[in-house]
Amino acid sequence: MPAVRVWDASERLQVAELQEHKYGISCVAFSPNGKYIVSVGYQHDMMVNVWNWKKNVVVAANKVSSKVTAVSFSDDSSYFVTAGNRHVKFWYLDHAKTSKVNATVPLLGRSGLLGELRNNFFSDVACGRGKQASSTFCITSSGLLCEFNDRRLLDKWVELRSVDSAPASQATSLSVTDELIFCGCSDGTVRAFSPVNLHFLCTLPRPHCLGADIASMTDAR
């Protein structure tokens, strides 16, 4: 039985086990307020569940037909965004209804307006933070960093491989703070951008090779 397991990191103990998915779980995320967990099942499972995890109940749910590989909650916990194969969708929570313990309410979902980028595989998603809380950022496996505005419209994007001379044929992961967007790319490349205008800031130094003892190195080359 696939399960979402919640652990107390300091005590190293499992504090919750949430079982509702049938085939497997592709991604999970806590809401910033800590009240909810959203879990997205494998493509054949076809379910998006929002849990009040402390009470072990699904408070909202709906079906999704696309392959989903990433999910991110908004800064105010009012909605979350799923991303995957030709798929970016915004799901809205009605907190007045989800507070009812004994009822699972339908999730309201609205597709992102992808325009000419509709045929891409969106490999990761991150909702904006701070002043950029109304924006949502995605990366495509082909190497595009994209921004959705507050109307769910994909209106800005930048090609990761074109910002400097370091190669980056694919993008796989994304992390967003108030002031920075970090994009994890192929060949150990991590690039930083501004969430305000998607301007390229820098490419981080690559990690050292596996097995290398950097404390013993004296040559700076």
N, C-alpha and C. Protein backbone atom coordinates (compact mmCIF):
# COMPACT_ATOMS: atom_id res chain seq x y z
N MET A 1 0.83 -1.20 0.00
CA MET A 1 0.00 0.00 0.00
C MET A 1 0.87 1.26 0.00
N PRO A 2 0.78 2.08 -1.04
CA PRO A 2 1.54 3.33 -1.04
C PRO A 2 1.07 4.23 0.11
N ALA A 3 2.01 4.92 0.73
CA ALA A 3 1.66 5.77 1.86
C ALA A 3 2.53 7.02 1.87
N VAL A 4 1.94 8.10 2.37
CA VAL A 4 2.71 9.30 2.72
C VAL A 4 3.07 9.15 4.19
N ARG A 5 4.36 9.14 4.47
CA ARG A 5 4.82 8.96 5.85
C ARG A 5 5.43 10.27 6.34
N VAL A 6 4.98 10.72 7.49
CA VAL A 6 5.49 11.95 8.10
C VAL A 6 6.37 11.56 9.28
N TRP A 7 7.56 12.17 9.31
CA TRP A 7 8.55 11.82 10.33
C TRP A 7 8.89 13.04 11.18
N ASP A 8 9.09 12.80 12.46
CA ASP A 8 9.67 13.80 13.35
C ASP A 8 11.18 13.66 13.23
N ALA A 9 11.82 14.66 12.61
CA ALA A 9 13.25 14.54 12.31
C ALA A 9 14.11 14.49 13.57
N SER A 10 13.74 15.26 14.59
CA SER A 10 14.56 15.30 15.80
C SER A 10 14.44 14.01 16.60
N GLU A 11 13.22 13.43 16.65
CA GLU A 11 13.02 12.19 17.40
C GLU A 11 13.24 10.94 16.55
N ARG A 12 13.34 11.15 15.23
CA ARG A 12 13.52 10.04 14.29
C ARG A 12 12.39 9.02 14.41
N LEU A 13 11.18 9.53 14.53
CA LEU A 13 10.01 8.68 14.67
C LEU A 13 8.96 9.05 13.61
N GLN A 14 8.25 8.02 13.13
CA GLN A 14 7.14 8.27 12.22
C GLN A 14 5.95 8.74 13.02
N VAL A 15 5.35 9.87 12.62
CA VAL A 15 4.23 10.43 13.38
C VAL A 15 2.91 10.33 12.62
N ALA A 16 2.95 10.00 11.32
CA ALA A 16 1.72 9.84 10.57
C ALA A 16 1.97 8.94 9.36
N GLU A 17 0.94 8.17 9.00
CA GLU A 17 0.98 7.32 7.81
C GLU A 17 -0.35 7.49 7.09
N LEU A 18 -0.29 8.10 5.90
CA LEU A 18 -1.50 8.48 5.18
C LEU A 18 -1.67 7.58 3.96
N GLN A 19 -2.70 6.74 3.99
CA GLN A 19 -2.92 5.75 2.93
C GLN A 19 -4.23 6.02 2.21
N GLU A 20 -4.13 6.37 0.93
CA GLU A 20 -5.30 6.57 0.10
C GLU A 20 -4.99 6.26 -1.36
N HIS A 21 -3.73 6.49 -1.79
CA HIS A 21 -3.34 6.22 -3.17
C HIS A 21 -3.23 4.71 -3.40
N LYS A 22 -3.45 4.31 -4.66
CA LYS A 22 -3.49 2.89 -4.98
C LYS A 22 -2.21 2.37 -5.64
N TYR A 23 -1.60 3.17 -6.52
CA TYR A 23 -0.50 2.64 -7.33
C TYR A 23 0.87 3.20 -6.95
N GLY A 24 0.91 4.34 -6.33
CA GLY A 24 2.18 4.96 -5.97
C GLY A 24 2.02 6.46 -5.89
N ILE A 25 2.99 7.13 -5.30
CA ILE A 25 2.93 8.57 -5.07
C ILE A 25 4.14 9.21 -5.73
N SER A 26 3.89 10.17 -6.62
CA SER A 26 4.99 10.77 -7.38
C SER A 26 5.61 11.97 -6.67
N CYS A 27 4.83 12.74 -5.90
CA CYS A 27 5.39 13.90 -5.21
C CYS A 27 4.47 14.33 -4.07
N VAL A 28 5.06 14.97 -3.08
CA VAL A 28 4.33 15.47 -1.91
C VAL A 28 4.88 16.84 -1.54
N ALA A 29 4.08 17.62 -0.80
CA ALA A 29 4.54 18.92 -0.32
C ALA A 29 3.73 19.33 0.90
N PHE A 30 4.40 19.93 1.88
CA PHE A 30 3.73 20.57 3.01
C PHE A 30 3.22 21.95 2.58
N SER A 31 2.08 22.37 3.12
CA SER A 31 1.69 23.77 2.99
C SER A 31 2.57 24.60 3.93
N PRO A 32 2.87 25.86 3.55
CA PRO A 32 3.73 26.68 4.41
C PRO A 32 3.21 26.86 5.83
N ASN A 33 1.87 26.79 6.02
CA ASN A 33 1.34 26.91 7.38
C ASN A 33 1.41 25.61 8.17
N GLY A 34 1.89 24.54 7.52
CA GLY A 34 2.08 23.27 8.20
C GLY A 34 0.82 22.45 8.42
N LYS A 35 -0.33 22.97 8.01
CA LYS A 35 -1.60 22.28 8.28
C LYS A 35 -1.87 21.15 7.30
N TYR A 36 -1.50 21.35 6.05
CA TYR A 36 -1.86 20.40 5.00
C TYR A 36 -0.64 19.75 4.37
N ILE A 37 -0.88 18.57 3.80
CA ILE A 37 0.06 17.92 2.88
C ILE A 37 -0.72 17.62 1.61
N VAL A 38 -0.13 17.94 0.46
CA VAL A 38 -0.71 17.54 -0.80
C VAL A 38 0.13 16.39 -1.36
N SER A 39 -0.55 15.36 -1.86
CA SER A 39 0.13 14.22 -2.47
C SER A 39 -0.48 13.95 -3.83
N VAL A 40 0.38 13.66 -4.80
CA VAL A 40 -0.06 13.39 -6.16
C VAL A 40 0.33 11.97 -6.52
N GLY A 41 -0.65 11.19 -6.97
CA GLY A 41 -0.39 9.80 -7.29
C GLY A 41 0.26 9.63 -8.65
N TYR A 42 0.74 8.41 -8.90
CA TYR A 42 1.25 8.07 -10.22
C TYR A 42 0.15 8.29 -11.27
N GLN A 43 0.56 8.27 -12.54
CA GLN A 43 -0.38 8.58 -13.61
C GLN A 43 -1.59 7.65 -13.60
N HIS A 44 -1.41 6.36 -13.28
CA HIS A 44 -2.55 5.43 -13.26
C HIS A 44 -3.40 5.59 -12.00
N ASP A 45 -2.84 6.19 -10.97
CA ASP A 45 -3.58 6.48 -9.74
C ASP A 45 -4.56 7.62 -9.98
N MET A 46 -4.08 8.65 -10.69
CA MET A 46 -4.90 9.77 -11.16
C MET A 46 -5.51 10.64 -10.06
N MET A 47 -4.95 10.64 -8.85
CA MET A 47 -5.55 11.40 -7.77
C MET A 47 -4.60 12.45 -7.20
N VAL A 48 -5.18 13.60 -6.87
CA VAL A 48 -4.51 14.64 -6.10
C VAL A 48 -5.26 14.75 -4.78
N ASN A 49 -4.57 14.50 -3.67
CA ASN A 49 -5.20 14.53 -2.35
C ASN A 49 -4.59 15.62 -1.49
N VAL A 50 -5.44 16.35 -0.77
CA VAL A 50 -4.99 17.30 0.24
C VAL A 50 -5.38 16.74 1.60
N TRP A 51 -4.38 16.55 2.46
CA TRP A 51 -4.57 15.93 3.76
C TRP A 51 -4.51 16.95 4.88
N ASN A 52 -5.42 16.84 5.83
CA ASN A 52 -5.16 17.38 7.16
C ASN A 52 -4.41 16.26 7.87
N TRP A 53 -3.07 16.34 7.80
CA TRP A 53 -2.26 15.16 8.13
C TRP A 53 -2.30 14.81 9.62
N LYS A 54 -2.53 15.80 10.48
CA LYS A 54 -2.59 15.49 11.92
C LYS A 54 -3.85 14.71 12.28
N LYS A 55 -4.90 14.86 11.43
CA LYS A 55 -6.14 14.12 11.67
C LYS A 55 -6.28 12.92 10.75
N ASN A 56 -5.31 12.74 9.84
CA ASN A 56 -5.30 11.60 8.92
C ASN A 56 -6.57 11.53 8.08
N VAL A 57 -6.97 12.68 7.53
CA VAL A 57 -8.15 12.71 6.66
C VAL A 57 -7.83 13.49 5.38
N VAL A 58 -8.45 13.06 4.29
CA VAL A 58 -8.37 13.80 3.03
C VAL A 58 -9.47 14.85 3.05
N VAL A 59 -9.10 16.13 3.02
CA VAL A 59 -10.08 17.20 3.10
C VAL A 59 -10.50 17.70 1.72
N ALA A 60 -9.67 17.45 0.70
CA ALA A 60 -10.02 17.84 -0.66
C ALA A 60 -9.29 16.92 -1.63
N ALA A 61 -9.92 16.67 -2.78
CA ALA A 61 -9.33 15.75 -3.75
C ALA A 61 -9.92 15.99 -5.13
N ASN A 62 -9.17 15.55 -6.14
CA ASN A 62 -9.67 15.57 -7.51
C ASN A 62 -8.78 14.66 -8.34
N LYS A 63 -9.19 14.45 -9.59
CA LYS A 63 -8.43 13.59 -10.49
C LYS A 63 -7.54 14.42 -11.40
N VAL A 64 -6.41 13.84 -11.79
CA VAL A 64 -5.53 14.46 -12.77
C VAL A 64 -5.10 13.38 -13.75
N SER A 65 -5.18 13.68 -15.04
CA SER A 65 -4.92 12.65 -16.05
C SER A 65 -3.49 12.67 -16.55
N SER A 66 -2.75 13.75 -16.30
CA SER A 66 -1.39 13.87 -16.81
C SER A 66 -0.37 13.23 -15.88
N LYS A 67 0.81 13.00 -16.42
CA LYS A 67 1.93 12.56 -15.59
C LYS A 67 2.46 13.77 -14.84
N VAL A 68 2.39 13.75 -13.50
CA VAL A 68 2.82 14.86 -12.66
C VAL A 68 4.10 14.47 -11.93
N THR A 69 5.07 15.36 -11.96
CA THR A 69 6.36 15.07 -11.32
C THR A 69 6.74 16.06 -10.24
N ALA A 70 5.97 17.15 -10.07
CA ALA A 70 6.36 18.16 -9.08
C ALA A 70 5.12 18.90 -8.59
N VAL A 71 5.21 19.39 -7.34
CA VAL A 71 4.13 20.17 -6.75
C VAL A 71 4.73 21.22 -5.83
N SER A 72 4.08 22.39 -5.75
CA SER A 72 4.56 23.46 -4.87
C SER A 72 3.38 24.25 -4.34
N PHE A 73 3.39 24.55 -3.02
CA PHE A 73 2.35 25.34 -2.38
C PHE A 73 2.66 26.82 -2.49
N SER A 74 1.61 27.63 -2.60
CA SER A 74 1.77 29.08 -2.60
C SER A 74 2.21 29.55 -1.21
N ASP A 75 2.73 30.77 -1.17
CA ASP A 75 3.27 31.33 0.06
C ASP A 75 2.20 31.45 1.15
N ASP A 76 0.94 31.71 0.75
CA ASP A 76 -0.13 31.89 1.74
C ASP A 76 -0.97 30.63 1.94
N SER A 77 -0.54 29.51 1.36
CA SER A 77 -1.21 28.20 1.51
C SER A 77 -2.62 28.17 0.91
N SER A 78 -2.97 29.13 0.05
CA SER A 78 -4.32 29.16 -0.50
C SER A 78 -4.47 28.31 -1.76
N TYR A 79 -3.36 27.97 -2.39
CA TYR A 79 -3.40 27.13 -3.59
C TYR A 79 -2.05 26.44 -3.75
N PHE A 80 -2.04 25.44 -4.62
CA PHE A 80 -0.77 24.79 -4.98
C PHE A 80 -0.77 24.54 -6.48
N VAL A 81 0.41 24.25 -7.01
CA VAL A 81 0.57 24.09 -8.45
C VAL A 81 1.24 22.75 -8.72
N THR A 82 0.70 22.02 -9.68
CA THR A 82 1.32 20.76 -10.11
C THR A 82 1.92 20.96 -11.50
N ALA A 83 2.98 20.21 -11.78
CA ALA A 83 3.66 20.32 -13.07
C ALA A 83 4.06 18.94 -13.55
N GLY A 84 4.11 18.77 -14.86
CA GLY A 84 4.48 17.49 -15.43
C GLY A 84 4.49 17.55 -16.95
N ASN A 85 4.09 16.45 -17.56
CA ASN A 85 4.14 16.33 -19.01
C ASN A 85 3.03 17.14 -19.67
N ARG A 86 3.42 18.26 -20.33
CA ARG A 86 2.48 19.19 -20.95
C ARG A 86 1.40 19.63 -19.96
N HIS A 87 1.83 19.82 -18.73
CA HIS A 87 0.87 20.05 -17.64
C HIS A 87 1.41 21.03 -16.61
N VAL A 88 0.71 22.14 -16.41
CA VAL A 88 0.88 23.02 -15.25
C VAL A 88 -0.53 23.40 -14.81
N LYS A 89 -0.88 23.07 -13.56
CA LYS A 89 -2.25 23.31 -13.12
C LYS A 89 -2.26 23.92 -11.73
N PHE A 90 -3.15 24.89 -11.55
CA PHE A 90 -3.30 25.60 -10.29
C PHE A 90 -4.54 25.05 -9.57
N TRP A 91 -4.36 24.63 -8.31
CA TRP A 91 -5.44 24.02 -7.52
C TRP A 91 -5.72 24.92 -6.32
N TYR A 92 -7.00 25.26 -6.13
CA TYR A 92 -7.37 26.26 -5.12
C TYR A 92 -8.11 25.59 -3.96
N LEU A 93 -7.71 25.99 -2.75
CA LEU A 93 -8.31 25.44 -1.53
C LEU A 93 -9.34 26.41 -0.98
N ASP A 94 -10.51 25.87 -0.63
CA ASP A 94 -11.52 26.65 0.09
C ASP A 94 -11.36 26.30 1.57
N HIS A 95 -10.68 27.17 2.32
CA HIS A 95 -10.36 26.84 3.71
C HIS A 95 -11.61 26.70 4.57
N ALA A 96 -12.67 27.40 4.21
CA ALA A 96 -13.91 27.27 4.98
C ALA A 96 -14.50 25.87 4.87
N LYS A 97 -14.33 25.27 3.67
CA LYS A 97 -14.88 23.92 3.47
C LYS A 97 -13.91 22.84 3.93
N THR A 98 -12.60 23.04 3.71
CA THR A 98 -11.64 22.01 4.08
C THR A 98 -11.49 21.89 5.59
N SER A 99 -11.99 22.86 6.35
CA SER A 99 -11.93 22.77 7.82
C SER A 99 -12.94 21.78 8.36
N LYS A 100 -13.89 21.35 7.53
CA LYS A 100 -14.86 20.34 7.96
C LYS A 100 -14.18 18.97 7.97
N VAL A 101 -14.11 18.36 9.12
CA VAL A 101 -13.32 17.15 9.30
C VAL A 101 -13.90 15.96 8.53
N ASN A 102 -15.20 15.87 8.45
CA ASN A 102 -15.83 14.64 7.94
C ASN A 102 -16.23 14.72 6.47
N ALA A 103 -15.76 15.71 5.75
CA ALA A 103 -16.16 15.84 4.35
C ALA A 103 -14.94 16.08 3.47
N THR A 104 -14.87 15.33 2.35
CA THR A 104 -13.85 15.57 1.34
C THR A 104 -14.48 16.39 0.23
N VAL A 105 -13.96 17.59 0.02
CA VAL A 105 -14.56 18.49 -0.98
C VAL A 105 -13.77 18.41 -2.28
N PRO A 106 -14.43 18.67 -3.42
CA PRO A 106 -13.70 18.65 -4.71
C PRO A 106 -12.71 19.81 -4.79
N LEU A 107 -11.52 19.50 -5.27
CA LEU A 107 -10.51 20.54 -5.52
C LEU A 107 -10.86 21.28 -6.80
N LEU A 108 -10.75 22.59 -6.76
CA LEU A 108 -10.96 23.39 -7.96
C LEU A 108 -9.63 23.57 -8.67
N GLY A 109 -9.53 23.07 -9.92
CA GLY A 109 -8.29 23.16 -10.68
C GLY A 109 -8.44 24.02 -11.92
N ARG A 110 -7.42 24.84 -12.19
CA ARG A 110 -7.39 25.67 -13.39
C ARG A 110 -6.05 25.48 -14.09
N SER A 111 -6.07 25.18 -15.37
CA SER A 111 -4.83 24.93 -16.11
C SER A 111 -4.07 26.23 -16.34
N GLY A 112 -2.73 26.12 -16.28
CA GLY A 112 -1.90 27.24 -16.67
C GLY A 112 -2.01 27.48 -18.16
N LEU A 113 -1.89 28.74 -18.56
CA LEU A 113 -2.00 29.10 -19.98
C LEU A 113 -0.61 29.05 -20.58
N LEU A 114 -0.31 27.93 -21.26
CA LEU A 114 1.06 27.63 -21.68
C LEU A 114 1.44 28.24 -23.02
N GLY A 115 0.47 28.61 -23.85
CA GLY A 115 0.76 29.22 -25.13
C GLY A 115 1.65 28.34 -26.00
N GLU A 116 2.67 28.93 -26.59
CA GLU A 116 3.52 28.19 -27.51
C GLU A 116 4.42 27.17 -26.83
N LEU A 117 4.48 27.17 -25.51
CA LEU A 117 5.30 26.20 -24.78
C LEU A 117 4.47 25.02 -24.28
N ARG A 118 3.27 24.83 -24.82
CA ARG A 118 2.34 23.83 -24.29
C ARG A 118 2.84 22.40 -24.45
N ASN A 119 3.75 22.13 -25.37
CA ASN A 119 4.20 20.76 -25.60
C ASN A 119 5.45 20.38 -24.81
N ASN A 120 5.82 21.18 -23.82
CA ASN A 120 7.01 20.90 -23.03
C ASN A 120 6.72 19.97 -21.85
N PHE A 121 7.79 19.35 -21.36
CA PHE A 121 7.73 18.59 -20.12
C PHE A 121 8.22 19.52 -19.00
N PHE A 122 7.33 19.88 -18.08
CA PHE A 122 7.68 20.77 -16.99
C PHE A 122 8.18 19.92 -15.82
N SER A 123 9.50 19.95 -15.59
CA SER A 123 10.12 19.00 -14.67
C SER A 123 10.08 19.43 -13.22
N ASP A 124 9.90 20.73 -12.94
CA ASP A 124 9.79 21.17 -11.55
C ASP A 124 9.05 22.49 -11.51
N VAL A 125 8.47 22.79 -10.34
CA VAL A 125 7.69 24.01 -10.15
C VAL A 125 7.97 24.56 -8.76
N ALA A 126 7.95 25.88 -8.63
CA ALA A 126 8.12 26.52 -7.32
C ALA A 126 7.32 27.82 -7.31
N CYS A 127 6.44 27.97 -6.33
CA CYS A 127 5.68 29.20 -6.18
C CYS A 127 6.58 30.29 -5.62
N GLY A 128 6.33 31.52 -6.06
CA GLY A 128 7.13 32.64 -5.63
C GLY A 128 7.00 32.93 -4.14
N ARG A 129 7.97 33.65 -3.61
CA ARG A 129 8.00 34.01 -2.19
C ARG A 129 8.12 35.52 -2.04
N GLY A 130 7.67 36.03 -0.90
CA GLY A 130 7.84 37.45 -0.61
C GLY A 130 7.13 38.33 -1.62
N LYS A 131 7.85 39.32 -2.17
CA LYS A 131 7.27 40.25 -3.11
C LYS A 131 6.84 39.59 -4.41
N GLN A 132 7.40 38.41 -4.70
CA GLN A 132 7.05 37.69 -5.94
C GLN A 132 6.07 36.55 -5.67
N ALA A 133 5.31 36.66 -4.58
CA ALA A 133 4.40 35.57 -4.19
C ALA A 133 3.31 35.31 -5.22
N SER A 134 3.00 36.30 -6.05
CA SER A 134 1.95 36.11 -7.05
C SER A 134 2.45 35.39 -8.30
N SER A 135 3.76 35.18 -8.41
CA SER A 135 4.34 34.49 -9.56
C SER A 135 4.56 33.01 -9.26
N THR A 136 4.61 32.22 -10.30
CA THR A 136 4.94 30.80 -10.20
C THR A 136 6.02 30.50 -11.23
N PHE A 137 7.05 29.78 -10.81
CA PHE A 137 8.19 29.50 -11.67
C PHE A 137 8.25 28.01 -12.00
N CYS A 138 8.57 27.71 -13.25
CA CYS A 138 8.73 26.32 -13.70
C CYS A 138 10.00 26.20 -14.53
N ILE A 139 10.51 24.99 -14.61
CA ILE A 139 11.55 24.71 -15.59
C ILE A 139 11.10 23.55 -16.46
N THR A 140 11.54 23.58 -17.70
CA THR A 140 11.25 22.49 -18.63
C THR A 140 12.49 21.61 -18.76
N SER A 141 12.28 20.36 -19.10
CA SER A 141 13.41 19.44 -19.27
C SER A 141 14.32 19.88 -20.41
N SER A 142 13.79 20.67 -21.35
CA SER A 142 14.59 21.16 -22.46
C SER A 142 15.47 22.35 -22.08
N GLY A 143 15.28 22.88 -20.84
CA GLY A 143 16.17 23.93 -20.37
C GLY A 143 15.62 25.34 -20.43
N LEU A 144 14.33 25.50 -20.16
CA LEU A 144 13.72 26.83 -20.10
C LEU A 144 13.26 27.13 -18.68
N LEU A 145 13.58 28.32 -18.18
CA LEU A 145 13.04 28.81 -16.92
C LEU A 145 11.86 29.71 -17.27
N CYS A 146 10.68 29.38 -16.73
CA CYS A 146 9.44 30.06 -17.10
C CYS A 146 8.80 30.72 -15.89
N GLU A 147 8.06 31.79 -16.16
CA GLU A 147 7.32 32.47 -15.09
C GLU A 147 5.85 32.62 -15.49
N PHE A 148 4.96 32.21 -14.57
CA PHE A 148 3.53 32.43 -14.72
C PHE A 148 3.14 33.63 -13.86
N ASN A 149 2.29 34.52 -14.40
CA ASN A 149 1.85 35.67 -13.61
C ASN A 149 0.62 35.30 -12.77
N ASP A 150 0.02 36.30 -12.13
CA ASP A 150 -1.10 36.04 -11.23
C ASP A 150 -2.38 35.65 -11.97
N ARG A 151 -2.34 35.68 -13.31
CA ARG A 151 -3.49 35.22 -14.11
C ARG A 151 -3.23 33.85 -14.74
N ARG A 152 -2.23 33.15 -14.25
CA ARG A 152 -1.86 31.80 -14.70
C ARG A 152 -1.28 31.80 -16.11
N LEU A 153 -0.89 32.96 -16.61
CA LEU A 153 -0.37 33.07 -17.96
C LEU A 153 1.16 32.95 -17.95
N LEU A 154 1.69 32.05 -18.78
CA LEU A 154 3.13 31.93 -18.95
C LEU A 154 3.58 33.07 -19.85
N ASP A 155 4.11 34.14 -19.24
CA ASP A 155 4.40 35.34 -20.02
C ASP A 155 5.88 35.67 -20.11
N LYS A 156 6.75 34.95 -19.40
CA LYS A 156 8.18 35.20 -19.49
C LYS A 156 8.93 33.87 -19.47
N TRP A 157 10.02 33.79 -20.20
CA TRP A 157 10.90 32.62 -20.08
C TRP A 157 12.29 32.98 -20.59
N VAL A 158 13.27 32.23 -20.12
CA VAL A 158 14.66 32.43 -20.52
C VAL A 158 15.28 31.06 -20.75
N GLU A 159 16.16 30.97 -21.71
CA GLU A 159 16.82 29.71 -22.04
C GLU A 159 18.07 29.56 -21.18
N LEU A 160 18.13 28.51 -20.39
CA LEU A 160 19.21 28.35 -19.42
C LEU A 160 20.57 28.20 -20.09
N ARG A 161 20.61 27.55 -21.25
CA ARG A 161 21.91 27.27 -21.87
C ARG A 161 22.52 28.49 -22.55
N SER A 162 21.74 29.56 -22.69
CA SER A 162 22.22 30.72 -23.43
C SER A 162 22.80 31.81 -22.54
N VAL A 163 22.80 31.62 -21.21
CA VAL A 163 23.18 32.72 -20.34
C VAL A 163 24.68 32.81 -20.11
N ASP A 164 25.41 31.71 -20.28
CA ASP A 164 26.88 31.78 -20.20
C ASP A 164 27.46 30.63 -21.00
N SER A 165 28.76 30.44 -20.92
CA SER A 165 29.43 29.45 -21.77
C SER A 165 29.35 28.03 -21.23
N ALA A 166 28.94 27.85 -19.97
CA ALA A 166 28.87 26.50 -19.40
C ALA A 166 27.69 25.74 -20.01
N PRO A 167 27.88 24.48 -20.39
CA PRO A 167 26.80 23.72 -21.00
C PRO A 167 25.73 23.34 -19.99
N ALA A 168 24.50 23.32 -20.44
CA ALA A 168 23.39 22.86 -19.59
C ALA A 168 22.29 22.38 -20.52
N SER A 169 22.36 21.13 -20.90
CA SER A 169 21.44 20.61 -21.91
C SER A 169 20.06 20.31 -21.33
N GLN A 170 19.98 20.07 -20.02
CA GLN A 170 18.70 19.74 -19.40
C GLN A 170 18.58 20.44 -18.06
N ALA A 171 17.35 20.66 -17.62
CA ALA A 171 17.08 21.22 -16.30
C ALA A 171 16.22 20.23 -15.53
N THR A 172 16.54 20.01 -14.27
CA THR A 172 15.86 18.96 -13.51
C THR A 172 15.24 19.44 -12.21
N SER A 173 15.73 20.54 -11.61
CA SER A 173 15.22 20.93 -10.30
C SER A 173 15.24 22.44 -10.14
N LEU A 174 14.42 22.91 -9.19
CA LEU A 174 14.18 24.33 -9.03
C LEU A 174 13.97 24.64 -7.55
N SER A 175 14.57 25.74 -7.09
CA SER A 175 14.36 26.20 -5.72
C SER A 175 14.29 27.71 -5.73
N VAL A 176 13.28 28.26 -5.01
CA VAL A 176 13.04 29.71 -5.06
C VAL A 176 13.03 30.27 -3.65
N THR A 177 13.73 31.40 -3.45
CA THR A 177 13.67 32.17 -2.21
C THR A 177 13.09 33.55 -2.53
N ASP A 178 13.07 34.44 -1.54
CA ASP A 178 12.58 35.80 -1.77
C ASP A 178 13.40 36.53 -2.83
N GLU A 179 14.70 36.22 -2.90
CA GLU A 179 15.60 37.01 -3.74
C GLU A 179 16.30 36.22 -4.85
N LEU A 180 16.16 34.89 -4.86
CA LEU A 180 16.92 34.08 -5.81
C LEU A 180 16.09 32.93 -6.34
N ILE A 181 16.39 32.55 -7.59
CA ILE A 181 15.90 31.30 -8.18
C ILE A 181 17.13 30.46 -8.50
N PHE A 182 17.17 29.24 -7.99
CA PHE A 182 18.26 28.32 -8.31
C PHE A 182 17.72 27.22 -9.24
N CYS A 183 18.42 27.00 -10.35
CA CYS A 183 18.04 25.98 -11.32
C CYS A 183 19.13 24.92 -11.37
N GLY A 184 18.75 23.68 -11.06
CA GLY A 184 19.68 22.57 -11.15
C GLY A 184 19.65 21.97 -12.55
N CYS A 185 20.80 21.94 -13.20
CA CYS A 185 20.89 21.50 -14.60
C CYS A 185 21.80 20.28 -14.71
N SER A 186 21.93 19.79 -15.93
CA SER A 186 22.80 18.65 -16.19
C SER A 186 24.25 19.02 -15.97
N ASP A 187 25.11 18.01 -15.86
CA ASP A 187 26.56 18.18 -15.70
C ASP A 187 26.92 18.92 -14.42
N GLY A 188 26.06 18.82 -13.39
CA GLY A 188 26.37 19.45 -12.11
C GLY A 188 26.28 20.96 -12.10
N THR A 189 25.59 21.54 -13.07
CA THR A 189 25.50 22.99 -13.18
C THR A 189 24.31 23.52 -12.40
N VAL A 190 24.54 24.54 -11.56
CA VAL A 190 23.47 25.24 -10.85
C VAL A 190 23.55 26.72 -11.22
N ARG A 191 22.44 27.26 -11.71
CA ARG A 191 22.42 28.66 -12.12
C ARG A 191 21.45 29.45 -11.25
N ALA A 192 21.82 30.71 -10.96
CA ALA A 192 21.00 31.58 -10.14
C ALA A 192 20.43 32.72 -10.98
N PHE A 193 19.13 33.02 -10.75
CA PHE A 193 18.44 34.08 -11.47
C PHE A 193 17.69 34.96 -10.47
N SER A 194 17.30 36.13 -10.93
CA SER A 194 16.47 37.02 -10.12
C SER A 194 15.00 36.68 -10.34
N PRO A 195 14.21 36.50 -9.26
CA PRO A 195 12.78 36.24 -9.44
C PRO A 195 12.00 37.47 -9.91
N VAL A 196 12.60 38.65 -9.85
CA VAL A 196 11.92 39.88 -10.24
C VAL A 196 11.80 39.99 -11.76
N ASN A 197 12.88 39.65 -12.48
CA ASN A 197 12.89 39.86 -13.93
C ASN A 197 13.54 38.70 -14.71
N LEU A 198 13.85 37.60 -14.02
CA LEU A 198 14.50 36.42 -14.62
C LEU A 198 15.90 36.72 -15.16
N HIS A 199 16.53 37.80 -14.70
CA HIS A 199 17.88 38.10 -15.14
C HIS A 199 18.87 37.10 -14.55
N PHE A 200 19.80 36.66 -15.37
CA PHE A 200 20.83 35.72 -14.93
C PHE A 200 21.79 36.42 -13.97
N LEU A 201 22.11 35.75 -12.85
CA LEU A 201 23.01 36.33 -11.85
C LEU A 201 24.38 35.65 -11.84
N CYS A 202 24.39 34.32 -11.78
CA CYS A 202 25.69 33.64 -11.76
C CYS A 202 25.49 32.14 -11.95
N THR A 203 26.59 31.45 -12.26
CA THR A 203 26.63 29.98 -12.25
C THR A 203 27.49 29.56 -11.07
N LEU A 204 26.94 28.70 -10.22
CA LEU A 204 27.68 28.28 -9.03
C LEU A 204 28.82 27.34 -9.41
N PRO A 205 29.89 27.31 -8.62
CA PRO A 205 30.97 26.34 -8.87
C PRO A 205 30.41 24.92 -8.81
N ARG A 206 30.93 24.09 -9.68
CA ARG A 206 30.45 22.70 -9.69
C ARG A 206 30.94 21.97 -8.44
N PRO A 207 30.19 20.97 -7.99
CA PRO A 207 30.66 20.17 -6.85
C PRO A 207 31.89 19.36 -7.25
N HIS A 208 32.71 19.03 -6.25
CA HIS A 208 33.90 18.23 -6.52
C HIS A 208 33.52 16.81 -6.90
N CYS A 209 34.44 16.09 -7.47
CA CYS A 209 34.19 14.71 -7.90
C CYS A 209 33.94 13.82 -6.70
N LEU A 210 33.12 12.81 -6.90
CA LEU A 210 32.87 11.84 -5.83
C LEU A 210 34.18 11.17 -5.40
N GLY A 211 34.36 11.04 -4.11
CA GLY A 211 35.56 10.39 -3.59
C GLY A 211 36.73 11.32 -3.36
N ALA A 212 36.59 12.58 -3.78
CA ALA A 212 37.69 13.53 -3.60
C ALA A 212 37.66 14.09 -2.18
N ASP A 213 38.83 14.12 -1.54
CA ASP A 213 38.96 14.70 -0.21
C ASP A 213 39.43 16.13 -0.37
N ILE A 214 38.48 17.10 -0.36
CA ILE A 214 38.87 18.47 -0.64
C ILE A 214 39.70 19.08 0.48
N ALA A 215 39.64 18.48 1.68
CA ALA A 215 40.44 19.01 2.80
C ALA A 215 41.93 18.75 2.59
N SER A 216 42.25 17.75 1.78
CA SER A 216 43.67 17.39 1.58
C SER A 216 44.28 18.08 0.36
N MET A 217 43.47 18.84 -0.38
CA MET A 217 43.97 19.47 -1.61
C MET A 217 44.73 20.76 -1.29
N THR A 218 45.89 20.90 -1.93
CA THR A 218 46.69 22.12 -1.76
C THR A 218 46.83 22.89 -3.04
N ASP A 219 46.50 22.26 -4.17
CA ASP A 219 46.60 22.92 -5.48
C ASP A 219 45.23 23.52 -5.81
N ALA A 220 45.19 24.79 -6.10
CA ALA A 220 43.91 25.49 -6.32
C ALA A 220 43.37 25.29 -7.73
N ARG A 221 44.07 24.59 -8.61
CA ARG A 221 43.57 24.41 -9.98
C ARG A 221 42.29 23.60 -10.00
